[in-house]
Protein backbone atom coordinates (compact mmCIF):
# COMPACT_ATOMS: atom_id res chain seq x y z
CA UNK A 1 -12.18 81.91 -27.31
CA UNK A 2 -10.70 79.68 -29.93
CA UNK A 3 -10.48 81.70 -33.54
CA UNK A 4 -9.04 81.38 -36.45
CA UNK A 5 -6.51 84.25 -35.82
CA UNK A 6 -5.60 82.80 -32.23
CA UNK A 7 -5.63 79.01 -32.41
CA UNK A 8 -3.86 78.81 -29.55
CA UNK A 9 -6.32 79.91 -27.29
CA UNK A 10 -8.23 76.43 -28.22
CA UNK A 11 -8.51 74.54 -25.12
CA UNK A 12 -10.51 71.54 -25.72
CA UNK A 13 -11.15 69.08 -28.40
CA UNK A 14 -14.84 70.59 -29.05
CA UNK A 15 -13.08 74.18 -29.25
CA UNK A 16 -10.99 72.75 -32.33
CA UNK A 17 -14.21 71.17 -33.90
CA UNK A 18 -15.92 74.70 -34.01
CA UNK A 19 -12.52 75.96 -35.46
CA UNK A 20 -12.30 73.88 -38.19
CA UNK A 21 -16.35 74.26 -39.18
CA UNK A 22 -15.33 78.30 -39.02
CA UNK A 23 -12.64 78.05 -41.14
CA UNK A 24 -14.36 75.48 -43.65
CA UNK A 25 -17.43 78.43 -43.93
CA UNK A 26 -14.96 81.17 -44.12
CA UNK A 27 -13.23 79.51 -47.13
CA UNK A 28 -16.96 78.02 -48.37
CA UNK A 29 -15.99 74.72 -48.37
CA UNK A 30 -18.92 72.18 -48.14
CA UNK A 31 -18.94 69.21 -45.95
CA UNK A 32 -18.23 68.21 -42.75
CA UNK A 33 -15.34 69.10 -40.74
CA UNK A 34 -13.79 67.86 -37.46
CA UNK A 35 -10.50 68.05 -35.61
CA UNK A 36 -8.07 65.12 -36.52
CA UNK A 37 -6.66 65.05 -32.81
CA UNK A 38 -6.90 62.38 -29.80
CA UNK A 39 -7.61 63.47 -26.24
CA UNK A 40 -7.80 61.41 -22.95
CA UNK A 41 -11.28 61.05 -23.76
CA UNK A 42 -11.34 60.68 -27.64
CA UNK A 43 -9.56 58.61 -29.38
CA UNK A 44 -8.73 59.50 -33.40
CA UNK A 45 -9.65 56.03 -34.68
CA UNK A 46 -13.39 56.44 -33.29
CA UNK A 47 -14.21 60.38 -34.69
CA UNK A 48 -16.94 59.01 -37.04
CA UNK A 49 -17.20 55.68 -35.38
CA UNK A 50 -18.27 53.65 -38.43
CA UNK A 51 -19.65 56.55 -40.32
CA UNK A 52 -18.06 57.66 -43.59
CA UNK A 53 -15.97 55.41 -43.29
CA UNK A 54 -15.63 55.58 -47.46
CA UNK A 55 -15.42 59.12 -47.32
CA UNK A 56 -12.51 61.44 -48.98
CA UNK A 57 -9.99 62.90 -46.05
CA UNK A 58 -9.37 66.22 -47.90
CA UNK A 59 -7.19 69.50 -46.94
CA UNK A 60 -8.63 73.03 -47.11
CA UNK A 61 -6.82 73.26 -50.59
CA UNK A 62 -9.42 70.37 -51.27
CA UNK A 63 -6.53 68.03 -52.04
CA UNK A 64 -6.73 64.70 -51.33
CA UNK A 65 -5.10 63.27 -48.19
CA UNK A 66 -6.45 59.83 -47.93
CA UNK A 67 -8.85 58.31 -50.25
CA UNK A 68 -11.24 56.87 -47.12
CA UNK A 69 -10.94 57.18 -43.55
CA UNK A 70 -9.86 53.71 -43.09
CA UNK A 71 -6.59 54.44 -45.12
CA UNK A 72 -5.33 56.82 -42.60
CA UNK A 73 -5.05 53.73 -39.91
CA UNK A 74 -3.06 51.80 -42.85
CA UNK A 75 0.32 53.33 -41.98
CA UNK A 76 0.01 55.06 -45.34
CA UNK A 77 1.36 58.70 -45.69
CA UNK A 78 -1.02 60.98 -46.67
CA UNK A 79 -0.86 62.03 -50.43
CA UNK A 80 -0.73 65.73 -50.15
CA UNK A 81 0.41 68.20 -47.27
CA UNK A 82 -1.76 68.31 -44.53
CA UNK A 83 -2.13 72.14 -43.24
CA UNK A 84 -2.86 74.08 -40.13
CA UNK A 85 -6.07 76.38 -39.47
CA UNK A 86 -4.39 79.23 -41.63
CA UNK A 87 -3.96 76.61 -44.60
CA UNK A 88 -0.29 76.69 -44.11
CA UNK A 89 2.24 73.99 -43.76
CA UNK A 90 2.81 73.76 -40.32
CA UNK A 91 6.54 74.30 -39.60
């Protein structure tokens, strides 16, 4: 089973989505959380499929990464650090 302490046990996108939700709950974050990942059956650009296109994308420290979902695909760098499931900058 995928859990925040052992994320390498996640084996499919829905496991990572569940992990994101559990981490958000643990940190008392409000909102909708999904794993920003592409797989052979799910493209990152289709994650929200037309909804919430103007919503800000934030990290677990509530720092803005992108001002909108669309901005992620305009070759602009993130405004703040992308974090792993433990809230740390990946090595």
